[in-house]
Amino acid sequence: IANHTFDLHKLGNRRGAQILPGESYDDYRSLLISDLMKTQDYLSDNCSIAPTVFAYPYGIVSEPSLRIVKSCGFSASLGVEERPNYITADPECLYRLNRYNRPYGMSTEEFMKKLLKE
């Protein structure tokens, strides 16, 4: 189970966990940390887990968000680019990992067949 934000799954003024134009780094940092920790606390209190991976809503990543996610103690983060990952000795390669999204309604078997054809 990964943290996927508590309330940043929107495509309005703020698209996912992105920083807004003109928003100060301190304001953005406060908002993002508050949201991420709300999810961490909820999962800890209700599921007895604390995710160590963060998945960006809509895959929207920014340099400030990368720094903040790392500062919250996450050991990896996921974007949404559908391509393989190459893990190296550099721990930085664990941030902005790619992932393959299975569309709603598609069975695991169908999804795996599609991936193997590509």
PDB file of N, CA and C in Angstrom:
ATOM      1  N   ILE A   1       0.860  -1.179   0.000  1.00  0.00           N
ATOM      2  CA  ILE A   1       0.000   0.000   0.000  1.00  0.00           C
ATOM      3  C   ILE A   1       0.897   1.231   0.000  1.00  0.00           C
ATOM      4  N   ALA A   2       0.611   2.149  -0.904  1.00  0.00           N
ATOM      5  CA  ALA A   2       1.379   3.392  -0.993  1.00  0.00           C
ATOM      6  C   ALA A   2       0.499   4.571  -0.589  1.00  0.00           C
ATOM      7  N   ASN A   3       1.128   5.633  -0.158  1.00  0.00           N
ATOM      8  CA  ASN A   3       0.431   6.888   0.107  1.00  0.00           C
ATOM      9  C   ASN A   3       0.174   7.551  -1.250  1.00  0.00           C
ATOM     10  N   HIS A   4      -1.051   8.031  -1.438  1.00  0.00           N
ATOM     11  CA  HIS A   4      -1.451   8.623  -2.719  1.00  0.00           C
ATOM     12  C   HIS A   4      -2.094   9.995  -2.512  1.00  0.00           C
ATOM     13  N   THR A   5      -1.805  10.620  -1.404  1.00  0.00           N
ATOM     14  CA  THR A   5      -2.375  11.869  -0.872  1.00  0.00           C
ATOM     15  C   THR A   5      -3.742  11.606  -0.264  1.00  0.00           C
ATOM     16  N   PHE A   6      -4.156  12.527   0.575  1.00  0.00           N
ATOM     17  CA  PHE A   6      -5.470  12.424   1.208  1.00  0.00           C
ATOM     18  C   PHE A   6      -6.511  13.166   0.389  1.00  0.00           C
ATOM     19  N   ASP A   7      -6.175  14.371  -0.061  1.00  0.00           N
ATOM     20  CA  ASP A   7      -7.182  15.214  -0.709  1.00  0.00           C
ATOM     21  C   ASP A   7      -6.631  15.969  -1.918  1.00  0.00           C
ATOM     22  N   LEU A   8      -5.666  15.381  -2.626  1.00  0.00           N
ATOM     23  CA  LEU A   8      -5.093  16.073  -3.779  1.00  0.00           C
ATOM     24  C   LEU A   8      -5.359  15.320  -5.081  1.00  0.00           C
ATOM     25  N   HIS A   9      -6.484  14.630  -5.144  1.00  0.00           N
ATOM     26  CA  HIS A   9      -6.863  13.877  -6.350  1.00  0.00           C
ATOM     27  C   HIS A   9      -7.831  14.702  -7.186  1.00  0.00           C
ATOM     28  N   LYS A  10      -7.405  15.881  -7.538  1.00  0.00           N
ATOM     29  CA  LYS A  10      -8.267  16.781  -8.287  1.00  0.00           C
ATOM     30  C   LYS A  10      -7.516  17.308  -9.498  1.00  0.00           C
ATOM     31  N   LEU A  11      -8.261  17.708 -10.494  1.00  0.00           N
ATOM     32  CA  LEU A  11      -7.657  18.322 -11.674  1.00  0.00           C
ATOM     33  C   LEU A  11      -8.225  19.723 -11.864  1.00  0.00           C
ATOM     34  N   GLY A  12      -8.365  20.439 -10.770  1.00  0.00           N
ATOM     35  CA  GLY A  12      -8.865  21.806 -10.832  1.00  0.00           C
ATOM     36  C   GLY A  12      -7.712  22.785 -10.885  1.00  0.00           C
ATOM     37  N   ASN A  13      -7.786  23.804 -10.031  1.00  0.00           N
ATOM     38  CA  ASN A  13      -6.730  24.806  -9.960  1.00  0.00           C
ATOM     39  C   ASN A  13      -5.387  24.163  -9.642  1.00  0.00           C
ATOM     40  N   ARG A  14      -5.379  23.283  -8.636  1.00  0.00           N
ATOM     41  CA  ARG A  14      -4.175  22.516  -8.300  1.00  0.00           C
ATOM     42  C   ARG A  14      -4.358  21.140  -8.923  1.00  0.00           C
ATOM     43  N   ARG A  15      -3.481  20.784  -9.817  1.00  0.00           N
ATOM     44  CA  ARG A  15      -3.564  19.483 -10.492  1.00  0.00           C
ATOM     45  C   ARG A  15      -2.743  18.469  -9.710  1.00  0.00           C
ATOM     46  N   GLY A  16      -3.456  17.587  -8.994  1.00  0.00           N
ATOM     47  CA  GLY A  16      -2.757  16.611  -8.169  1.00  0.00           C
ATOM     48  C   GLY A  16      -1.945  17.302  -7.092  1.00  0.00           C
ATOM     49  N   ALA A  17      -0.716  16.854  -6.897  1.00  0.00           N
ATOM     50  CA  ALA A  17       0.132  17.387  -5.828  1.00  0.00           C
ATOM     51  C   ALA A  17       1.101  18.456  -6.335  1.00  0.00           C
ATOM     52  N   GLN A  18       0.739  19.134  -7.429  1.00  0.00           N
ATOM     53  CA  GLN A  18       1.649  20.127  -7.987  1.00  0.00           C
ATOM     54  C   GLN A  18       1.659  21.428  -7.183  1.00  0.00           C
ATOM     55  N   ILE A  19       2.735  22.163  -7.303  1.00  0.00           N
ATOM     56  CA  ILE A  19       2.828  23.494  -6.714  1.00  0.00           C
ATOM     57  C   ILE A  19       2.119  24.457  -7.674  1.00  0.00           C
ATOM     58  N   LEU A  20       1.386  25.396  -7.112  1.00  0.00           N
ATOM     59  CA  LEU A  20       0.664  26.367  -7.935  1.00  0.00           C
ATOM     60  C   LEU A  20       1.590  27.486  -8.391  1.00  0.00           C
ATOM     61  N   PRO A  21       1.335  28.057  -9.555  1.00  0.00           N
ATOM     62  CA  PRO A  21       2.126  29.223  -9.978  1.00  0.00           C
ATOM     63  C   PRO A  21       1.998  30.336  -8.939  1.00  0.00           C
ATOM     64  N   GLY A  22       3.112  30.868  -8.524  1.00  0.00           N
ATOM     65  CA  GLY A  22       3.105  31.958  -7.542  1.00  0.00           C
ATOM     66  C   GLY A  22       3.003  31.504  -6.093  1.00  0.00           C
ATOM     67  N   GLU A  23       2.793  30.228  -5.845  1.00  0.00           N
ATOM     68  CA  GLU A  23       2.689  29.732  -4.468  1.00  0.00           C
ATOM     69  C   GLU A  23       4.084  29.676  -3.856  1.00  0.00           C
ATOM     70  N   SER A  24       4.209  30.129  -2.633  1.00  0.00           N
ATOM     71  CA  SER A  24       5.525  30.087  -1.989  1.00  0.00           C
ATOM     72  C   SER A  24       5.883  28.644  -1.654  1.00  0.00           C
ATOM     73  N   TYR A  25       7.166  28.372  -1.653  1.00  0.00           N
ATOM     74  CA  TYR A  25       7.637  27.035  -1.314  1.00  0.00           C
ATOM     75  C   TYR A  25       7.172  26.652   0.084  1.00  0.00           C
ATOM     76  N   ASP A  26       7.249  27.581   1.040  1.00  0.00           N
ATOM     77  CA  ASP A  26       6.846  27.279   2.418  1.00  0.00           C
ATOM     78  C   ASP A  26       5.366  26.920   2.511  1.00  0.00           C
ATOM     79  N   ASP A  27       4.503  27.674   1.801  1.00  0.00           N
ATOM     80  CA  ASP A  27       3.071  27.364   1.811  1.00  0.00           C
ATOM     81  C   ASP A  27       2.809  26.005   1.176  1.00  0.00           C
ATOM     82  N   TYR A  28       3.467  25.750   0.054  1.00  0.00           N
ATOM     83  CA  TYR A  28       3.301  24.475  -0.640  1.00  0.00           C
ATOM     84  C   TYR A  28       3.795  23.325   0.233  1.00  0.00           C
ATOM     85  N   ARG A  29       4.956  23.497   0.838  1.00  0.00           N
ATOM     86  CA  ARG A  29       5.528  22.465   1.701  1.00  0.00           C
ATOM     87  C   ARG A  29       4.578  22.142   2.851  1.00  0.00           C
ATOM     88  N   SER A  30       4.030  23.167   3.467  1.00  0.00           N
ATOM     89  CA  SER A  30       3.090  22.980   4.574  1.00  0.00           C
ATOM     90  C   SER A  30       1.845  22.212   4.118  1.00  0.00           C
ATOM     91  N   LEU A  31       1.290  22.598   2.972  1.00  0.00           N
ATOM     92  CA  LEU A  31       0.100  21.932   2.443  1.00  0.00           C
ATOM     93  C   LEU A  31       0.385  20.467   2.127  1.00  0.00           C
ATOM     94  N   LEU A  32       1.483  20.203   1.431  1.00  0.00           N
ATOM     95  CA  LEU A  32       1.784  18.837   1.012  1.00  0.00           C
ATOM     96  C   LEU A  32       2.108  17.944   2.207  1.00  0.00           C
ATOM     97  N   ILE A  33       2.914  18.425   3.121  1.00  0.00           N
ATOM     98  CA  ILE A  33       3.240  17.625   4.304  1.00  0.00           C
ATOM     99  C   ILE A  33       1.983  17.334   5.110  1.00  0.00           C
ATOM    100  N   SER A  34       1.137  18.336   5.298  1.00  0.00           N
ATOM    101  CA  SER A  34      -0.104  18.134   6.042  1.00  0.00           C
ATOM    102  C   SER A  34      -0.965  17.052   5.391  1.00  0.00           C
ATOM    103  N   ASP A  35      -1.091  17.117   4.072  1.00  0.00           N
ATOM    104  CA  ASP A  35      -1.907  16.136   3.351  1.00  0.00           C
ATOM    105  C   ASP A  35      -1.290  14.736   3.446  1.00  0.00           C
ATOM    106  N   LEU A  36       0.011  14.632   3.204  1.00  0.00           N
ATOM    107  CA  LEU A  36       0.675  13.323   3.253  1.00  0.00           C
ATOM    108  C   LEU A  36       0.603  12.710   4.647  1.00  0.00           C
ATOM    109  N   MET A  37       0.813  13.527   5.670  1.00  0.00           N
ATOM    110  CA  MET A  37       0.790  13.010   7.037  1.00  0.00           C
ATOM    111  C   MET A  37      -0.629  12.620   7.471  1.00  0.00           C
ATOM    112  N   LYS A  38      -1.639  13.301   6.921  1.00  0.00           N
ATOM    113  CA  LYS A  38      -3.023  12.918   7.223  1.00  0.00           C
ATOM    114  C   LYS A  38      -3.272  11.490   6.729  1.00  0.00           C
ATOM    115  N   THR A  39      -2.769  11.174   5.547  1.00  0.00           N
ATOM    116  CA  THR A  39      -2.913   9.821   5.015  1.00  0.00           C
ATOM    117  C   THR A  39      -2.092   8.833   5.836  1.00  0.00           C
ATOM    118  N   GLN A  40      -0.848   9.197   6.160  1.00  0.00           N
ATOM    119  CA  GLN A  40      -0.006   8.310   6.964  1.00  0.00           C
ATOM    120  C   GLN A  40      -0.665   8.000   8.304  1.00  0.00           C
ATOM    121  N   ASP A  41      -1.184   9.031   8.965  1.00  0.00           N
ATOM    122  CA  ASP A  41      -1.841   8.845  10.260  1.00  0.00           C
ATOM    123  C   ASP A  41      -3.094   7.983  10.123  1.00  0.00           C
ATOM    124  N   TYR A  42      -3.880   8.225   9.085  1.00  0.00           N
ATOM    125  CA  TYR A  42      -5.106   7.447   8.869  1.00  0.00           C
ATOM    126  C   TYR A  42      -4.759   5.968   8.675  1.00  0.00           C
ATOM    127  N   LEU A  43      -3.792   5.690   7.825  1.00  0.00           N
ATOM    128  CA  LEU A  43      -3.426   4.295   7.565  1.00  0.00           C
ATOM    129  C   LEU A  43      -2.797   3.646   8.798  1.00  0.00           C
ATOM    130  N   SER A  44      -2.018   4.402   9.530  1.00  0.00           N
ATOM    131  CA  SER A  44      -1.414   3.878  10.755  1.00  0.00           C
ATOM    132  C   SER A  44      -2.482   3.561  11.801  1.00  0.00           C
ATOM    133  N   ASP A  45      -3.416   4.496  11.993  1.00  0.00           N
ATOM    134  CA  ASP A  45      -4.462   4.319  13.000  1.00  0.00           C
ATOM    135  C   ASP A  45      -5.463   3.230  12.637  1.00  0.00           C
ATOM    136  N   ASN A  46      -5.786   3.090  11.357  1.00  0.00           N
ATOM    137  CA  ASN A  46      -6.850   2.179  10.942  1.00  0.00           C
ATOM    138  C   ASN A  46      -6.376   0.867  10.325  1.00  0.00           C
ATOM    139  N   CYS A  47      -5.136   0.837   9.866  1.00  0.00           N
ATOM    140  CA  CYS A  47      -4.632  -0.374   9.191  1.00  0.00           C
ATOM    141  C   CYS A  47      -3.317  -0.866   9.786  1.00  0.00           C
ATOM    142  N   SER A  48      -2.794  -0.140  10.752  1.00  0.00           N
ATOM    143  CA  SER A  48      -1.523  -0.480  11.399  1.00  0.00           C
ATOM    144  C   SER A  48      -0.360  -0.578  10.417  1.00  0.00           C
ATOM    145  N   ILE A  49      -0.380   0.284   9.388  1.00  0.00           N
ATOM    146  CA  ILE A  49       0.738   0.346   8.434  1.00  0.00           C
ATOM    147  C   ILE A  49       1.148   1.800   8.224  1.00  0.00           C
ATOM    148  N   ALA A  50       2.374   1.991   7.827  1.00  0.00           N
ATOM    149  CA  ALA A  50       2.874   3.315   7.460  1.00  0.00           C
ATOM    150  C   ALA A  50       3.582   3.159   6.118  1.00  0.00           C
ATOM    151  N   PRO A  51       2.933   3.538   5.030  1.00  0.00           N
ATOM    152  CA  PRO A  51       3.543   3.368   3.715  1.00  0.00           C
ATOM    153  C   PRO A  51       4.911   4.040   3.614  1.00  0.00           C
ATOM    154  N   THR A  52       5.807   3.404   2.877  1.00  0.00           N
ATOM    155  CA  THR A  52       7.136   3.963   2.634  1.00  0.00           C
ATOM    156  C   THR A  52       7.282   4.418   1.182  1.00  0.00           C
ATOM    157  N   VAL A  53       6.206   4.252   0.404  1.00  0.00           N
ATOM    158  CA  VAL A  53       6.196   4.646  -1.004  1.00  0.00           C
ATOM    159  C   VAL A  53       5.076   5.657  -1.221  1.00  0.00           C
ATOM    160  N   PHE A  54       5.356   6.656  -2.061  1.00  0.00           N
ATOM    161  CA  PHE A  54       4.363   7.662  -2.418  1.00  0.00           C
ATOM    162  C   PHE A  54       4.078   7.578  -3.907  1.00  0.00           C
ATOM    163  N   ALA A  55       2.801   7.564  -4.271  1.00  0.00           N
ATOM    164  CA  ALA A  55       2.378   7.545  -5.679  1.00  0.00           C
ATOM    165  C   ALA A  55       1.729   8.882  -6.003  1.00  0.00           C
ATOM    166  N   TYR A  56       2.318   9.602  -6.956  1.00  0.00           N
ATOM    167  CA  TYR A  56       1.811  10.921  -7.326  1.00  0.00           C
ATOM    168  C   TYR A  56       0.470  10.814  -8.040  1.00  0.00           C
ATOM    169  N   PRO A  57      -0.565  11.549  -7.567  1.00  0.00           N
ATOM    170  CA  PRO A  57      -1.827  11.580  -8.310  1.00  0.00           C
ATOM    171  C   PRO A  57      -1.587  12.121  -9.720  1.00  0.00           C
ATOM    172  N   TYR A  58      -2.073  11.405 -10.687  1.00  0.00           N
ATOM    173  CA  TYR A  58      -1.939  11.771 -12.104  1.00  0.00           C
ATOM    174  C   TYR A  58      -0.476  11.807 -12.558  1.00  0.00           C
ATOM    175  N   GLY A  59       0.435  11.378 -11.712  1.00  0.00           N
ATOM    176  CA  GLY A  59       1.852  11.382 -12.069  1.00  0.00           C
ATOM    177  C   GLY A  59       2.468  12.758 -12.145  1.00  0.00           C
ATOM    178  N   ILE A  60       1.796  13.752 -11.595  1.00  0.00           N
ATOM    179  CA  ILE A  60       2.275  15.129 -11.675  1.00  0.00           C
ATOM    180  C   ILE A  60       3.336  15.352 -10.590  1.00  0.00           C
ATOM    181  N   VAL A  61       4.581  15.451 -11.030  1.00  0.00           N
ATOM    182  CA  VAL A  61       5.745  15.573 -10.148  1.00  0.00           C
ATOM    183  C   VAL A  61       6.420  16.916 -10.399  1.00  0.00           C
ATOM    184  N   SER A  62       6.934  17.521  -9.344  1.00  0.00           N
ATOM    185  CA  SER A  62       7.727  18.743  -9.493  1.00  0.00           C
ATOM    186  C   SER A  62       8.976  18.598  -8.636  1.00  0.00           C
ATOM    187  N   GLU A  63       9.976  19.386  -8.923  1.00  0.00           N
ATOM    188  CA  GLU A  63      11.197  19.339  -8.113  1.00  0.00           C
ATOM    189  C   GLU A  63      10.896  19.615  -6.635  1.00  0.00           C
ATOM    190  N   PRO A  64      10.057  20.637  -6.325  1.00  0.00           N
ATOM    191  CA  PRO A  64       9.749  20.849  -4.903  1.00  0.00           C
ATOM    192  C   PRO A  64       9.062  19.637  -4.267  1.00  0.00           C
ATOM    193  N   SER A  65       8.167  18.987  -5.011  1.00  0.00           N
ATOM    194  CA  SER A  65       7.473  17.835  -4.423  1.00  0.00           C
ATOM    195  C   SER A  65       8.438  16.687  -4.160  1.00  0.00           C
ATOM    196  N   LEU A  66       9.416  16.493  -5.028  1.00  0.00           N
ATOM    197  CA  LEU A  66      10.402  15.435  -4.804  1.00  0.00           C
ATOM    198  C   LEU A  66      11.153  15.657  -3.490  1.00  0.00           C
ATOM    199  N   ARG A  67      11.584  16.887  -3.252  1.00  0.00           N
ATOM    200  CA  ARG A  67      12.304  17.200  -2.006  1.00  0.00           C
ATOM    201  C   ARG A  67      11.415  16.966  -0.787  1.00  0.00           C
ATOM    202  N   ILE A  68      10.160  17.385  -0.895  1.00  0.00           N
ATOM    203  CA  ILE A  68       9.241  17.269   0.238  1.00  0.00           C
ATOM    204  C   ILE A  68       8.921  15.802   0.517  1.00  0.00           C
ATOM    205  N   VAL A  69       8.645  15.032  -0.516  1.00  0.00           N
ATOM    206  CA  VAL A  69       8.339  13.608  -0.345  1.00  0.00           C
ATOM    207  C   VAL A  69       9.518  12.904   0.337  1.00  0.00           C
ATOM    208  N   LYS A  70      10.729  13.192  -0.096  1.00  0.00           N
ATOM    209  CA  LYS A  70      11.917  12.601   0.527  1.00  0.00           C
ATOM    210  C   LYS A  70      12.016  13.013   1.992  1.00  0.00           C
ATOM    211  N   SER A  71      11.737  14.300   2.271  1.00  0.00           N
ATOM    212  CA  SER A  71      11.856  14.793   3.645  1.00  0.00           C
ATOM    213  C   SER A  71      10.834  14.146   4.580  1.00  0.00           C
ATOM    214  N   CYS A  72       9.756  13.620   4.021  1.00  0.00           N
ATOM    215  CA  CYS A  72       8.727  12.943   4.825  1.00  0.00           C
ATOM    216  C   CYS A  72       9.102  11.493   5.123  1.00  0.00           C
ATOM    217  N   GLY A  73      10.238  11.051   4.591  1.00  0.00           N
ATOM    218  CA  GLY A  73      10.714   9.714   4.903  1.00  0.00           C
ATOM    219  C   GLY A  73      10.331   8.629   3.915  1.00  0.00           C
ATOM    220  N   PHE A  74       9.716   9.001   2.804  1.00  0.00           N
ATOM    221  CA  PHE A  74       9.377   7.991   1.806  1.00  0.00           C
ATOM    222  C   PHE A  74      10.658   7.511   1.134  1.00  0.00           C
ATOM    223  N   SER A  75      10.745   6.219   0.905  1.00  0.00           N
ATOM    224  CA  SER A  75      11.962   5.666   0.321  1.00  0.00           C
ATOM    225  C   SER A  75      11.860   5.493  -1.190  1.00  0.00           C
ATOM    226  N   ALA A  76      10.672   5.757  -1.754  1.00  0.00           N
ATOM    227  CA  ALA A  76      10.487   5.676  -3.209  1.00  0.00           C
ATOM    228  C   ALA A  76       9.225   6.441  -3.564  1.00  0.00           C
ATOM    229  N   SER A  77       9.133   6.834  -4.840  1.00  0.00           N
ATOM    230  CA  SER A  77       7.899   7.468  -5.324  1.00  0.00           C
ATOM    231  C   SER A  77       7.629   7.012  -6.748  1.00  0.00           C
ATOM    232  N   LEU A  78       6.353   7.034  -7.097  1.00  0.00           N
ATOM    233  CA  LEU A  78       5.890   6.547  -8.389  1.00  0.00           C
ATOM    234  C   LEU A  78       5.226   7.649  -9.190  1.00  0.00           C
ATOM    235  N   GLY A  79       5.600   7.756 -10.455  1.00  0.00           N
ATOM    236  CA  GLY A  79       4.902   8.623 -11.397  1.00  0.00           C
ATOM    237  C   GLY A  79       3.869   7.774 -12.138  1.00  0.00           C
ATOM    238  N   VAL A  80       3.598   8.089 -13.401  1.00  0.00           N
ATOM    239  CA  VAL A  80       2.645   7.271 -14.174  1.00  0.00           C
ATOM    240  C   VAL A  80       3.144   6.918 -15.570  1.00  0.00           C
ATOM    241  N   GLU A  81       4.401   7.155 -15.838  1.00  0.00           N
ATOM    242  CA  GLU A  81       4.926   6.810 -17.152  1.00  0.00           C
ATOM    243  C   GLU A  81       4.942   5.291 -17.285  1.00  0.00           C
ATOM    244  N   GLU A  82       4.395   4.804 -18.382  1.00  0.00           N
ATOM    245  CA  GLU A  82       4.327   3.358 -18.601  1.00  0.00           C
ATOM    246  C   GLU A  82       5.550   2.891 -19.369  1.00  0.00           C
ATOM    247  N   ARG A  83       6.569   2.557 -18.600  1.00  0.00           N
ATOM    248  CA  ARG A  83       7.810   2.021 -19.162  1.00  0.00           C
ATOM    249  C   ARG A  83       8.581   1.340 -18.032  1.00  0.00           C
ATOM    250  N   PRO A  84       9.544   0.497 -18.386  1.00  0.00           N
ATOM    251  CA  PRO A  84      10.295  -0.219 -17.352  1.00  0.00           C
ATOM    252  C   PRO A  84      11.130   0.720 -16.483  1.00  0.00           C
ATOM    253  N   ASN A  85      11.480   0.230 -15.311  1.00  0.00           N
ATOM    254  CA  ASN A  85      12.389   0.923 -14.403  1.00  0.00           C
ATOM    255  C   ASN A  85      13.740   0.228 -14.441  1.00  0.00           C
ATOM    256  N   TYR A  86      14.779   0.990 -14.217  1.00  0.00           N
ATOM    257  CA  TYR A  86      16.124   0.440 -14.137  1.00  0.00           C
ATOM    258  C   TYR A  86      16.697   0.842 -12.782  1.00  0.00           C
ATOM    259  N   ILE A  87      16.803  -0.130 -11.904  1.00  0.00           N
ATOM    260  CA  ILE A  87      17.266   0.122 -10.548  1.00  0.00           C
ATOM    261  C   ILE A  87      18.793   0.025 -10.534  1.00  0.00           C
ATOM    262  N   THR A  88      19.413   1.044  -9.982  1.00  0.00           N
ATOM    263  CA  THR A  88      20.871   1.101  -9.909  1.00  0.00           C
ATOM    264  C   THR A  88      21.295   1.211  -8.448  1.00  0.00           C
ATOM    265  N   ALA A  89      22.563   1.366  -8.214  1.00  0.00           N
ATOM    266  CA  ALA A  89      23.077   1.548  -6.853  1.00  0.00           C
ATOM    267  C   ALA A  89      22.752   2.938  -6.305  1.00  0.00           C
ATOM    268  N   ASP A  90      22.360   3.857  -7.171  1.00  0.00           N
ATOM    269  CA  ASP A  90      22.018   5.222  -6.765  1.00  0.00           C
ATOM    270  C   ASP A  90      20.593   5.242  -6.211  1.00  0.00           C
ATOM    271  N   PRO A  91      20.410   5.540  -4.918  1.00  0.00           N
ATOM    272  CA  PRO A  91      19.067   5.537  -4.338  1.00  0.00           C
ATOM    273  C   PRO A  91      18.113   6.549  -4.985  1.00  0.00           C
ATOM    274  N   GLU A  92      18.655   7.539  -5.680  1.00  0.00           N
ATOM    275  CA  GLU A  92      17.803   8.530  -6.356  1.00  0.00           C
ATOM    276  C   GLU A  92      16.952   7.882  -7.442  1.00  0.00           C
ATOM    277  N   CYS A  93      17.375   6.733  -7.964  1.00  0.00           N
ATOM    278  CA  CYS A  93      16.603   6.068  -9.018  1.00  0.00           C
ATOM    279  C   CYS A  93      15.274   5.541  -8.492  1.00  0.00           C
ATOM    280  N   LEU A  94      15.099   5.521  -7.174  1.00  0.00           N
ATOM    281  CA  LEU A  94      13.855   5.025  -6.582  1.00  0.00           C
ATOM    282  C   LEU A  94      12.764   6.097  -6.527  1.00  0.00           C
ATOM    283  N   TYR A  95      13.107   7.311  -6.899  1.00  0.00           N
ATOM    284  CA  TYR A  95      12.121   8.382  -6.937  1.00  0.00           C
ATOM    285  C   TYR A  95      11.741   8.610  -8.392  1.00  0.00           C
ATOM    286  N   ARG A  96      10.455   8.818  -8.621  1.00  0.00           N
ATOM    287  CA  ARG A  96       9.904   8.946  -9.978  1.00  0.00           C
ATOM    288  C   ARG A  96       9.920   7.613 -10.729  1.00  0.00           C
ATOM    289  N   LEU A  97       9.695   6.534  -9.983  1.00  0.00           N
ATOM    290  CA  LEU A  97       9.607   5.234 -10.644  1.00  0.00           C
ATOM    291  C   LEU A  97       8.410   5.226 -11.593  1.00  0.00           C
ATOM    292  N   ASN A  98       8.541   4.501 -12.664  1.00  0.00           N
ATOM    293  CA  ASN A  98       7.447   4.357 -13.622  1.00  0.00           C
ATOM    294  C   ASN A  98       6.500   3.269 -13.131  1.00  0.00           C
ATOM    295  N   ARG A  99       5.283   3.272 -13.625  1.00  0.00           N
ATOM    296  CA  ARG A  99       4.331   2.214 -13.267  1.00  0.00           C
ATOM    297  C   ARG A  99       3.373   1.999 -14.416  1.00  0.00           C
ATOM    298  N   TYR A 100       2.880   0.814 -14.494  1.00  0.00           N
ATOM    299  CA  TYR A 100       1.889   0.464 -15.500  1.00  0.00           C
ATOM    300  C   TYR A 100       0.528   0.456 -14.824  1.00  0.00           C
ATOM    301  N   ASN A 101      -0.380   1.265 -15.326  1.00  0.00           N
ATOM    302  CA  ASN A 101      -1.712   1.364 -14.740  1.00  0.00           C
ATOM    303  C   ASN A 101      -2.681   0.423 -15.439  1.00  0.00           C
ATOM    304  N   ARG A 102      -3.370  -0.381 -14.662  1.00  0.00           N
ATOM    305  CA  ARG A 102      -4.409  -1.245 -15.207  1.00  0.00           C
ATOM    306  C   ARG A 102      -5.712  -0.460 -15.204  1.00  0.00           C
ATOM    307  N   PRO A 103      -6.304  -0.248 -16.386  1.00  0.00           N
ATOM    308  CA  PRO A 103      -7.552   0.509 -16.448  1.00  0.00           C
ATOM    309  C   PRO A 103      -8.687  -0.192 -15.692  1.00  0.00           C
ATOM    310  N   TYR A 104      -9.574   0.604 -15.168  1.00  0.00           N
ATOM    311  CA  TYR A 104     -10.755   0.074 -14.486  1.00  0.00           C
ATOM    312  C   TYR A 104     -11.495  -0.860 -15.435  1.00  0.00           C
ATOM    313  N   GLY A 105     -11.900  -2.001 -14.933  1.00  0.00           N
ATOM    314  CA  GLY A 105     -12.673  -2.942 -15.728  1.00  0.00           C
ATOM    315  C   GLY A 105     -11.838  -3.954 -16.496  1.00  0.00           C
ATOM    316  N   MET A 106     -10.528  -3.772 -16.553  1.00  0.00           N
ATOM    317  CA  MET A 106      -9.660  -4.720 -17.264  1.00  0.00           C
ATOM    318  C   MET A 106      -9.144  -5.752 -16.260  1.00  0.00           C
ATOM    319  N   SER A 107      -9.305  -7.026 -16.592  1.00  0.00           N
ATOM    320  CA  SER A 107      -8.843  -8.077 -15.688  1.00  0.00           C
ATOM    321  C   SER A 107      -7.316  -8.108 -15.665  1.00  0.00           C
ATOM    322  N   THR A 108      -6.768  -8.693 -14.623  1.00  0.00           N
ATOM    323  CA  THR A 108      -5.321  -8.842 -14.530  1.00  0.00           C
ATOM    324  C   THR A 108      -4.805  -9.653 -15.712  1.00  0.00           C
ATOM    325  N   GLU A 109      -5.525 -10.693 -16.087  1.00  0.00           N
ATOM    326  CA  GLU A 109      -5.105 -11.525 -17.222  1.00  0.00           C
ATOM    327  C   GLU A 109      -5.049 -10.707 -18.512  1.00  0.00           C
ATOM    328  N   GLU A 110      -6.079  -9.916 -18.780  1.00  0.00           N
ATOM    329  CA  GLU A 110      -6.089  -9.062 -19.979  1.00  0.00           C
ATOM    330  C   GLU A 110      -4.934  -8.055 -19.946  1.00  0.00           C
ATOM    331  N   PHE A 111      -4.723  -7.479 -18.772  1.00  0.00           N
ATOM    332  CA  PHE A 111      -3.679  -6.474 -18.605  1.00  0.00           C
ATOM    333  C   PHE A 111      -2.304  -7.073 -18.885  1.00  0.00           C
ATOM    334  N   MET A 112      -2.036  -8.246 -18.328  1.00  0.00           N
ATOM    335  CA  MET A 112      -0.737  -8.883 -18.532  1.00  0.00           C
ATOM    336  C   MET A 112      -0.541  -9.287 -19.992  1.00  0.00           C
ATOM    337  N   LYS A 113      -1.574  -9.758 -20.648  1.00  0.00           N
ATOM    338  CA  LYS A 113      -1.475 -10.101 -22.068  1.00  0.00           C
ATOM    339  C   LYS A 113      -1.125  -8.861 -22.885  1.00  0.00           C
ATOM    340  N   LYS A 114      -1.772  -7.728 -22.564  1.00  0.00           N
ATOM    341  CA  LYS A 114      -1.490  -6.479 -23.266  1.00  0.00           C
ATOM    342  C   LYS A 114      -0.028  -6.063 -23.059  1.00  0.00           C
ATOM    343  N   LEU A 115       0.457  -6.149 -21.842  1.00  0.00           N
ATOM    344  CA  LEU A 115       1.835  -5.757 -21.548  1.00  0.00           C
ATOM    345  C   LEU A 115       2.843  -6.641 -22.282  1.00  0.00           C
ATOM    346  N   LEU A 116       2.570  -7.909 -22.329  1.00  0.00           N
ATOM    347  CA  LEU A 116       3.507  -8.841 -22.963  1.00  0.00           C
ATOM    348  C   LEU A 116       3.576  -8.674 -24.474  1.00  0.00           C
ATOM    349  N   LYS A 117       2.531  -8.088 -25.063  1.00  0.00           N
ATOM    350  CA  LYS A 117       2.528  -7.832 -26.510  1.00  0.00           C
ATOM    351  C   LYS A 117       3.378  -6.622 -26.865  1.00  0.00           C
ATOM    352  N   GLU A 118       3.523  -5.673 -25.921  1.00  0.00           N
ATOM    353  CA  GLU A 118       4.249  -4.427 -26.194  1.00  0.00           C
ATOM    354  C   GLU A 118       5.726  -4.603 -26.236  1.00  0.00           C
TER     355      GLU A 118
END
